[in-house]
Amino acid sequence: MAPSIRLSPAARSLFDEPLAIAVQGLGPRQQVTLRTSLRDETGELFQASAHYQAGDDGELDLARCPALPGGSFSGLEPMGLLWALQPQKPFWRLVKRDVQSPFVLQLEVFERHGERPGQLLAQAQHERAFLRDGVRRVPVREGRIRATLFLPPGDGLFPGIIDLYGTGGGLPEYRACLLANHGFAVLALAFYSYEDLPKGMKEFHLEYFEEAVNYMLQHTQVRGPGIGLLGHSKGGDLCVSMASFLKGITATAIVNGSVANVGAVLRYKDITIPPLGINPKRIKVGKSGIADIIEVLNNPLEGPDQRSFIPLEKAECCFLFIVGLDDHNWKSEFFAVEGSKRLQAHGKEKPEIVCYPGAGHYIEPPFFPMCAASMHLLFGKPVMWGGEPKAHCEAQIDAWQQIQAFFRKHLTGKPSGTSSKL
């Protein structure tokens, strides 16, 4: 029997779902190298490889066989060939731009181990999709809003969430649509550097975000009485600001965000919140040329920078802070803890804070490979984001469950049944 790759699901799976990988038809205890390859939409190549030894029966099941030292990872890692994918171009991050098409994963099995693997024994292709069948993608151009709404199948009422990304700008849709696959109505909202929105991050007006909140509250398929907010990085502090000043928000989840306003002036009616001060002299650049910017921001508890602290005690919602303890973009744990102190000092409910050792800044949906360093739009040079690949991958899986459980609990009233591992 010739060697072959067995996948489950066989041809196509959702990107945030596990993929079972096995090889059959090998010789007893045969040594092989497995390699995965994926090209993003710009054509950049991501690869991972691992060394394995088949069992006495010539079977190799990644759920039972540990990877041997020498590849991209070692140990029992059934999804290692996905989370360990690394760009062949330095400082490149895997993002999905068109969620209507899948990523195509190539799997190959080669003879033996070593720098140059031997003959190709078997190969397979697998699609990693972003939209579940029946999920609707609706471009939204109402008033000033520039967004995409994802609606689960059916005509029921769905808990509603607005999803915001960070300083990359544009309109990333991949997290929103993956979340919609799990039964949420999710609005991926652009806020700058997209179509006719402002090109730069000079100032933001909360009235724009208020329009998006009202759009969701008035939507015939969004379940009231309130909606949720999900924000990463700069999107996180924008969500804290929205929760602090706008009506109709029930639950706010922040992934490695800030409780101080960062990077741009924030305005709402007659209120102005200045951005937190920065000191570029505190950037550390290592021999690799990668900048560590963790110390760049000023302390929002000191001097004039206190004016940048967002008054989250005004919020009428519950908060969840997801924190990567190795975040090198900024001090996410410090922000979460100070936000918690401020809420409790004003008699508000203590927020949930879930901390992940070994997780960096870009905590994405499950199985996105960790990005250790990439170009930073504001600094114009590659910066380190932090993280250790295996721990970061595990954090992404758990955080995804935590986020969904948090929104189910607060937007539908149903208990989550999920408990944190950490």
Protein backbone atom coordinates (compact mmCIF):
# COMPACT_ATOMS: atom_id res chain seq x y z
CA MET A 1 0.00 0.00 0.00
CA ALA A 2 1.46 3.38 -1.02
CA PRO A 3 1.69 6.00 1.75
CA SER A 4 -1.24 8.42 1.91
CA ILE A 5 -2.34 11.34 4.07
CA ARG A 6 -5.65 11.01 5.94
CA LEU A 7 -7.33 14.24 7.08
CA SER A 8 -10.43 14.78 9.18
CA PRO A 9 -12.44 16.75 8.10
CA ALA A 10 -11.26 15.41 4.74
CA ALA A 11 -11.35 18.30 2.27
CA ARG A 12 -12.38 21.46 4.10
CA SER A 13 -12.55 22.78 7.66
CA LEU A 14 -13.14 26.12 9.33
CA PHE A 15 -9.95 27.97 10.21
CA ASP A 16 -10.65 27.94 13.97
CA GLU A 17 -11.42 24.18 14.00
CA PRO A 18 -8.87 21.46 14.73
CA LEU A 19 -7.67 19.34 11.83
CA ALA A 20 -6.75 15.69 12.44
CA ILE A 21 -3.70 14.60 10.41
CA ALA A 22 -2.49 11.02 9.92
CA VAL A 23 -0.27 9.16 7.44
CA GLN A 24 -0.90 5.52 6.57
CA GLY A 25 0.98 2.98 4.48
CA LEU A 26 4.49 3.75 5.79
CA GLY A 27 7.03 1.09 6.71
CA PRO A 28 7.29 -0.05 10.35
CA ARG A 29 9.04 2.68 12.38
CA GLN A 30 9.87 4.55 9.15
CA GLN A 31 11.36 8.00 9.68
CA VAL A 32 9.64 10.78 7.73
CA THR A 33 9.44 14.58 7.54
CA LEU A 34 6.02 16.22 7.29
CA ARG A 35 5.77 19.68 5.79
CA THR A 36 2.89 22.14 5.51
CA SER A 37 2.83 25.12 3.15
CA LEU A 38 0.34 27.96 2.73
CA ARG A 39 0.41 31.07 0.56
CA ASP A 40 -1.38 34.21 1.68
CA GLU A 41 -3.30 36.40 -0.76
CA THR A 42 -0.18 38.40 -1.63
CA GLY A 43 1.60 35.17 -2.59
CA GLU A 44 3.91 35.08 0.45
CA LEU A 45 4.82 31.57 1.55
CA PHE A 46 4.41 30.20 5.09
CA GLN A 47 5.90 26.81 6.00
CA ALA A 48 6.36 24.43 8.92
CA SER A 49 7.93 20.98 9.12
CA ALA A 50 8.34 18.24 11.70
CA HIS A 51 10.20 14.96 12.05
CA TYR A 52 8.23 11.81 12.89
CA GLN A 53 8.62 8.06 13.18
CA ALA A 54 5.76 5.76 12.17
CA GLY A 55 4.49 3.09 14.53
CA ASP A 56 5.21 -0.64 14.20
CA ASP A 57 2.14 -0.89 11.96
CA GLY A 58 3.34 1.87 9.59
CA GLU A 59 0.68 4.27 10.88
CA LEU A 60 1.49 7.83 11.93
CA ASP A 61 -1.27 9.68 13.79
CA LEU A 62 -0.25 13.17 14.93
CA ALA A 63 -2.72 12.93 17.82
CA ARG A 64 -0.71 10.02 19.24
CA CYS A 65 2.83 10.37 17.83
CA PRO A 66 5.14 13.05 19.22
CA ALA A 67 7.26 15.05 16.79
CA LEU A 68 10.98 14.35 17.23
CA PRO A 69 13.50 17.18 17.77
CA GLY A 70 14.82 19.03 14.73
CA GLY A 71 11.73 20.45 13.04
CA SER A 72 9.59 23.55 13.66
CA PHE A 73 8.39 21.97 16.93
CA SER A 74 8.69 18.76 18.94
CA GLY A 75 6.46 16.76 21.27
CA LEU A 76 2.83 15.73 20.96
CA GLU A 77 1.34 18.59 18.93
CA PRO A 78 -1.58 17.45 16.73
CA MET A 79 -1.96 21.01 15.32
CA GLY A 80 1.74 21.92 15.34
CA LEU A 81 1.99 21.89 11.55
CA LEU A 82 -0.54 24.74 11.48
CA TRP A 83 0.37 26.93 14.43
CA ALA A 84 4.10 26.66 13.67
CA LEU A 85 3.74 28.04 10.11
CA GLN A 86 6.30 30.80 9.62
CA PRO A 87 6.69 33.34 6.79
CA GLN A 88 9.62 32.89 4.44
CA LYS A 89 9.70 36.70 4.17
CA PRO A 90 10.91 38.38 7.39
CA PHE A 91 8.47 40.44 9.50
CA TRP A 92 5.40 39.21 7.62
CA ARG A 93 2.13 38.42 9.41
CA LEU A 94 -0.54 36.02 8.22
CA VAL A 95 -3.82 37.90 7.73
CA LYS A 96 -6.93 36.95 5.75
CA ARG A 97 -8.21 39.69 3.49
CA ASP A 98 -10.95 37.99 1.49
CA VAL A 99 -12.96 35.81 3.87
CA GLN A 100 -15.07 34.44 1.02
CA SER A 101 -12.15 32.31 -0.21
CA PRO A 102 -10.30 29.72 1.90
CA PHE A 103 -6.59 29.39 2.55
CA VAL A 104 -5.25 26.30 0.77
CA LEU A 105 -2.97 24.17 2.92
CA GLN A 106 -0.48 21.84 1.19
CA LEU A 107 0.70 18.80 3.15
CA GLU A 108 3.69 16.70 2.07
CA VAL A 109 5.40 13.60 3.47
CA PHE A 110 9.09 13.07 2.68
CA GLU A 111 11.49 10.18 3.36
CA ARG A 112 13.80 10.50 6.39
CA HIS A 113 14.83 13.50 8.50
CA GLY A 114 17.58 16.05 8.03
CA GLU A 115 18.14 19.39 6.36
CA ARG A 116 17.24 18.02 2.93
CA PRO A 117 14.39 15.53 3.18
CA GLY A 118 14.34 12.67 0.71
CA GLN A 119 11.80 11.48 -1.81
CA LEU A 120 8.21 12.77 -1.72
CA LEU A 121 6.04 9.89 -0.47
CA ALA A 122 2.58 11.47 -0.27
CA GLN A 123 0.83 14.81 -0.59
CA ALA A 124 -2.61 16.32 0.02
CA GLN A 125 -4.44 19.62 -0.13
CA HIS A 126 -6.91 20.99 2.39
CA GLU A 127 -9.04 24.13 2.45
CA ARG A 128 -9.16 26.20 5.65
CA ALA A 129 -12.35 28.25 5.26
CA PHE A 130 -13.60 31.32 7.11
CA LEU A 131 -17.34 31.32 6.35
CA ARG A 132 -19.60 28.48 7.47
CA ASP A 133 -22.28 27.54 4.92
CA GLY A 134 -25.28 29.83 5.33
CA VAL A 135 -23.47 32.70 7.08
CA ARG A 136 -24.33 35.92 5.25
CA ARG A 137 -21.80 38.65 4.51
CA VAL A 138 -23.50 42.04 4.18
CA PRO A 139 -21.45 45.15 3.21
CA VAL A 140 -22.74 48.13 5.23
CA ARG A 141 -22.58 51.69 3.85
CA GLU A 142 -25.22 53.50 5.91
CA GLY A 143 -24.64 57.13 6.85
CA ARG A 144 -20.94 57.35 7.65
CA ILE A 145 -20.59 53.69 8.61
CA ARG A 146 -18.07 51.64 6.63
CA ALA A 147 -18.43 48.06 7.81
CA THR A 148 -19.34 44.46 7.03
CA LEU A 149 -22.09 42.63 8.91
CA PHE A 150 -21.96 38.84 9.29
CA LEU A 151 -25.25 37.12 10.11
CA PRO A 152 -25.60 33.45 11.11
CA PRO A 153 -27.98 31.22 9.12
CA GLY A 154 -31.71 31.55 9.81
CA ASP A 155 -33.93 34.48 10.61
CA GLY A 156 -33.75 34.33 14.39
CA LEU A 157 -32.52 37.04 16.71
CA PHE A 158 -28.75 36.86 17.29
CA PRO A 159 -26.61 38.44 20.00
CA GLY A 160 -24.86 41.42 18.36
CA ILE A 161 -21.19 42.37 18.56
CA ILE A 162 -19.11 45.19 17.02
CA ASP A 163 -15.55 44.05 16.22
CA LEU A 164 -12.64 46.52 16.07
CA TYR A 165 -9.01 45.91 15.13
CA GLY A 166 -5.98 48.11 15.80
CA THR A 167 -3.62 50.55 14.11
CA GLY A 168 -3.47 48.54 10.87
CA GLY A 169 -6.61 50.34 9.70
CA GLY A 170 -8.70 49.05 6.82
CA LEU A 171 -11.52 46.57 7.35
CA PRO A 172 -10.30 43.19 8.65
CA GLU A 173 -13.24 40.76 8.56
CA TYR A 174 -11.74 37.41 9.52
CA ARG A 175 -12.36 37.50 13.29
CA ALA A 176 -15.89 38.85 12.81
CA CYS A 177 -16.91 36.13 10.36
CA LEU A 178 -15.35 33.34 12.44
CA LEU A 179 -17.34 34.62 15.41
CA ALA A 180 -20.53 34.74 13.30
CA ASN A 181 -19.99 31.04 12.54
CA HIS A 182 -20.69 30.49 16.26
CA GLY A 183 -24.09 32.20 16.27
CA PHE A 184 -23.32 35.91 16.75
CA ALA A 185 -24.31 38.82 14.49
CA VAL A 186 -20.96 40.59 14.13
CA LEU A 187 -20.24 43.98 12.58
CA ALA A 188 -16.60 44.35 11.48
CA LEU A 189 -16.19 48.14 11.68
CA ALA A 190 -13.55 50.17 9.83
CA PHE A 191 -12.53 53.41 11.54
CA TYR A 192 -9.69 54.80 9.43
CA SER A 193 -7.62 54.19 6.30
CA TYR A 194 -10.56 52.66 4.42
CA GLU A 195 -12.55 54.05 1.47
CA ASP A 196 -13.61 57.63 2.37
CA LEU A 197 -12.69 57.40 6.06
CA PRO A 198 -9.76 59.53 7.33
CA LYS A 199 -6.38 58.29 6.06
CA GLY A 200 -4.45 58.86 9.29
CA MET A 201 -4.88 58.39 13.03
CA LYS A 202 -5.04 62.04 14.16
CA GLU A 203 -8.39 62.15 15.91
CA PHE A 204 -11.47 60.01 16.30
CA HIS A 205 -15.03 61.15 16.93
CA LEU A 206 -17.15 58.79 19.01
CA GLU A 207 -20.24 59.94 17.10
CA TYR A 208 -19.06 57.70 14.23
CA PHE A 209 -18.93 54.67 16.55
CA GLU A 210 -22.29 55.69 18.06
CA GLU A 211 -23.81 55.42 14.57
CA ALA A 212 -22.53 51.85 14.36
CA VAL A 213 -23.94 50.99 17.81
CA ASN A 214 -27.35 52.40 16.82
CA TYR A 215 -27.25 50.50 13.53
CA MET A 216 -26.80 47.25 15.46
CA LEU A 217 -29.42 48.09 18.12
CA GLN A 218 -32.00 48.86 15.41
CA HIS A 219 -31.22 45.82 13.23
CA THR A 220 -34.18 43.47 12.94
CA GLN A 221 -31.99 40.36 13.47
CA VAL A 222 -29.96 41.64 16.41
CA ARG A 223 -31.22 40.62 19.82
CA GLY A 224 -31.52 43.46 22.35
CA PRO A 225 -31.54 45.20 24.64
CA GLY A 226 -27.77 45.75 24.31
CA ILE A 227 -24.81 44.65 22.21
CA GLY A 228 -21.23 43.55 22.82
CA LEU A 229 -17.92 45.14 21.82
CA LEU A 230 -14.74 43.24 20.94
CA GLY A 231 -11.51 45.15 20.40
CA HIS A 232 -7.84 44.29 19.99
CA SER A 233 -4.95 46.74 20.62
CA LYS A 234 -6.05 50.27 19.56
CA GLY A 235 -9.49 48.79 18.92
CA GLY A 236 -9.49 47.83 22.60
CA ASP A 237 -9.21 51.36 23.96
CA LEU A 238 -11.78 52.54 21.40
CA CYS A 239 -14.15 49.90 22.79
CA VAL A 240 -13.45 51.09 26.35
CA SER A 241 -14.29 54.66 25.22
CA MET A 242 -17.48 53.47 23.49
CA ALA A 243 -18.55 51.57 26.60
CA SER A 244 -17.81 54.61 28.79
CA PHE A 245 -19.82 57.17 26.81
CA LEU A 246 -22.38 55.40 24.61
CA LYS A 247 -25.71 53.78 25.49
CA GLY A 248 -26.78 50.25 24.61
CA ILE A 249 -23.58 48.36 25.42
CA THR A 250 -23.91 45.30 27.66
CA ALA A 251 -20.54 43.54 27.42
CA THR A 252 -17.06 44.65 26.34
CA ALA A 253 -14.15 42.25 25.66
CA ILE A 254 -10.68 43.73 25.28
CA VAL A 255 -7.77 41.72 23.82
CA ASN A 256 -4.41 43.25 24.80
CA GLY A 257 -5.96 46.71 24.88
CA SER A 258 -5.40 49.87 26.89
CA VAL A 259 -7.59 51.78 29.36
CA ALA A 260 -5.85 55.01 28.37
CA ASN A 261 -6.58 56.68 25.04
CA VAL A 262 -3.62 55.96 22.74
CA GLY A 263 -2.33 57.34 19.45
CA ALA A 264 -5.01 59.90 18.56
CA VAL A 265 -7.21 62.58 20.13
CA LEU A 266 -10.68 61.28 21.04
CA ARG A 267 -13.69 63.60 20.84
CA TYR A 268 -17.31 63.17 21.84
CA LYS A 269 -19.68 66.14 21.94
CA ASP A 270 -17.88 68.64 24.20
CA ILE A 271 -15.48 66.06 25.67
CA THR A 272 -11.85 65.73 24.50
CA ILE A 273 -9.49 63.00 25.71
CA PRO A 274 -5.85 63.54 24.68
CA PRO A 275 -3.65 60.60 23.70
CA LEU A 276 -1.25 59.14 26.23
CA GLY A 277 2.20 60.73 25.87
CA ILE A 278 5.09 58.79 24.38
CA ASN A 279 8.87 59.01 24.68
CA PRO A 280 10.60 57.55 21.58
CA LYS A 281 13.93 57.60 23.47
CA ARG A 282 12.66 54.58 25.40
CA ILE A 283 12.62 52.41 22.24
CA LYS A 284 15.24 49.66 22.49
CA VAL A 285 16.63 48.29 19.21
CA GLY A 286 18.46 44.98 19.38
CA LYS A 287 21.17 43.60 17.09
CA SER A 288 18.46 42.11 14.87
CA GLY A 289 17.17 45.62 14.11
CA ILE A 290 13.83 44.81 15.75
CA ALA A 291 12.52 47.50 18.09
CA ASP A 292 11.11 46.78 21.55
CA ILE A 293 8.54 49.51 22.21
CA ILE A 294 7.11 48.25 25.51
CA GLU A 295 8.43 51.23 27.52
CA VAL A 296 7.47 53.94 25.00
CA LEU A 297 4.10 54.97 26.46
CA ASN A 298 3.97 57.23 29.51
CA ASN A 299 2.22 56.16 32.71
CA PRO A 300 -1.46 57.25 32.61
CA LEU A 301 -1.46 57.52 36.43
CA GLU A 302 1.09 60.34 36.47
CA GLY A 303 0.98 64.07 35.77
CA PRO A 304 -0.83 65.44 32.70
CA ASP A 305 -1.06 61.91 31.26
CA GLN A 306 -3.86 61.20 33.74
CA ARG A 307 -6.15 63.09 31.33
CA SER A 308 -5.75 60.25 28.83
CA PHE A 309 -7.21 57.65 31.24
CA ILE A 310 -10.64 56.73 29.84
CA PRO A 311 -13.42 57.15 32.49
CA LEU A 312 -14.52 53.51 32.23
CA GLU A 313 -16.31 53.85 35.58
CA LYS A 314 -19.10 55.54 33.55
CA ALA A 315 -19.70 52.28 31.64
CA GLU A 316 -22.89 50.32 32.29
CA CYS A 317 -21.48 47.03 31.02
CA CYS A 318 -19.42 44.04 32.09
CA PHE A 319 -15.78 43.86 31.01
CA LEU A 320 -13.47 41.00 30.01
CA PHE A 321 -9.74 41.66 29.63
CA ILE A 322 -7.70 39.07 27.69
CA VAL A 323 -4.01 39.63 28.51
CA GLY A 324 -0.86 38.20 26.92
CA LEU A 325 1.74 38.36 29.68
CA ASP A 326 4.53 38.58 27.08
CA ASP A 327 2.88 41.43 25.12
CA HIS A 328 5.72 43.71 23.97
CA ASN A 329 3.49 46.29 22.30
CA TRP A 330 2.44 47.78 25.62
CA LYS A 331 1.75 46.77 29.22
CA SER A 332 -1.58 45.02 28.75
CA GLU A 333 -1.62 43.48 32.22
CA PHE A 334 -0.95 46.86 33.85
CA PHE A 335 -3.81 48.43 31.86
CA ALA A 336 -6.22 45.62 32.78
CA VAL A 337 -5.32 45.79 36.47
CA GLU A 338 -5.59 49.60 36.59
CA GLY A 339 -8.93 49.42 34.79
CA SER A 340 -10.13 46.89 37.34
CA LYS A 341 -8.97 49.06 40.26
CA ARG A 342 -10.76 52.08 38.85
CA LEU A 343 -14.02 50.20 38.28
CA GLN A 344 -14.00 48.78 41.79
CA ALA A 345 -13.06 52.14 43.35
CA HIS A 346 -16.29 53.49 41.84
CA GLY A 347 -18.40 50.60 43.14
CA LYS A 348 -18.57 48.81 39.78
CA GLU A 349 -18.35 45.07 39.20
CA LYS A 350 -14.84 43.66 39.06
CA PRO A 351 -14.01 42.77 35.44
CA GLU A 352 -12.90 39.31 34.35
CA ILE A 353 -9.15 39.31 33.63
CA VAL A 354 -7.70 36.23 31.92
CA CYS A 355 -3.89 36.23 31.70
CA TYR A 356 -1.84 33.97 29.47
CA PRO A 357 1.88 33.38 30.24
CA GLY A 358 3.94 33.17 27.04
CA ALA A 359 1.31 34.91 24.89
CA GLY A 360 2.31 37.98 22.88
CA HIS A 361 0.36 40.95 21.51
CA TYR A 362 -1.47 39.47 18.52
CA ILE A 363 -3.87 37.06 20.24
CA GLU A 364 -5.90 36.00 17.19
CA PRO A 365 -8.55 33.32 16.61
CA PRO A 366 -7.22 29.76 17.04
CA PHE A 367 -4.48 28.36 14.82
CA PHE A 368 -3.25 31.64 13.37
CA PRO A 369 0.55 31.27 13.60
CA MET A 370 2.15 33.59 16.14
CA CYS A 371 3.67 36.76 14.70
CA ALA A 372 6.80 37.49 16.75
CA ALA A 373 7.71 40.71 14.92
CA SER A 374 6.41 42.76 12.01
CA MET A 375 6.31 46.32 10.67
CA HIS A 376 4.56 48.84 12.91
CA LEU A 377 2.63 51.46 10.95
CA LEU A 378 3.17 54.24 13.49
CA PHE A 379 6.88 53.56 14.15
CA GLY A 380 7.80 52.68 10.58
CA LYS A 381 10.10 49.84 11.62
CA PRO A 382 9.77 46.20 12.64
CA VAL A 383 8.77 45.81 16.28
CA MET A 384 8.59 42.75 18.49
CA TRP A 385 5.13 41.63 19.58
CA GLY A 386 6.28 39.00 22.07
CA GLY A 387 5.09 35.48 22.67
CA GLU A 388 6.35 31.90 22.64
CA PRO A 389 4.72 29.92 19.80
CA LYS A 390 3.28 26.92 21.67
CA ALA A 391 2.03 28.92 24.68
CA HIS A 392 0.68 31.60 22.34
CA CYS A 393 -1.24 29.00 20.32
CA GLU A 394 -2.78 27.52 23.47
CA ALA A 395 -3.73 31.03 24.63
CA GLN A 396 -5.52 31.71 21.34
CA ILE A 397 -7.59 28.52 21.67
CA ASP A 398 -8.59 29.26 25.26
CA ALA A 399 -9.19 33.00 24.71
CA TRP A 400 -11.53 32.22 21.79
CA GLN A 401 -13.63 30.06 24.13
CA GLN A 402 -13.52 32.70 26.88
CA ILE A 403 -14.69 35.46 24.51
CA GLN A 404 -17.62 33.42 23.21
CA ALA A 405 -18.63 32.30 26.71
CA PHE A 406 -18.48 35.89 27.98
CA PHE A 407 -20.72 37.20 25.20
CA ARG A 408 -23.17 34.27 25.49
CA LYS A 409 -23.51 34.85 29.22
CA HIS A 410 -24.04 38.61 29.04
CA LEU A 411 -25.87 38.96 25.71
CA THR A 412 -28.17 35.91 25.94
CA GLY A 413 -28.27 35.20 29.67
CA LYS A 414 -27.18 31.60 29.08
CA PRO A 415 -24.47 30.13 31.32
CA SER A 416 -21.27 29.50 29.45
CA GLY A 417 -20.10 26.17 30.79
CA THR A 418 -16.51 27.23 30.07
CA SER A 419 -13.92 27.52 32.78
CA SER A 420 -10.46 28.96 32.26
CA LYS A 421 -7.48 26.65 32.34
CA LEU A 422 -5.35 29.43 33.76
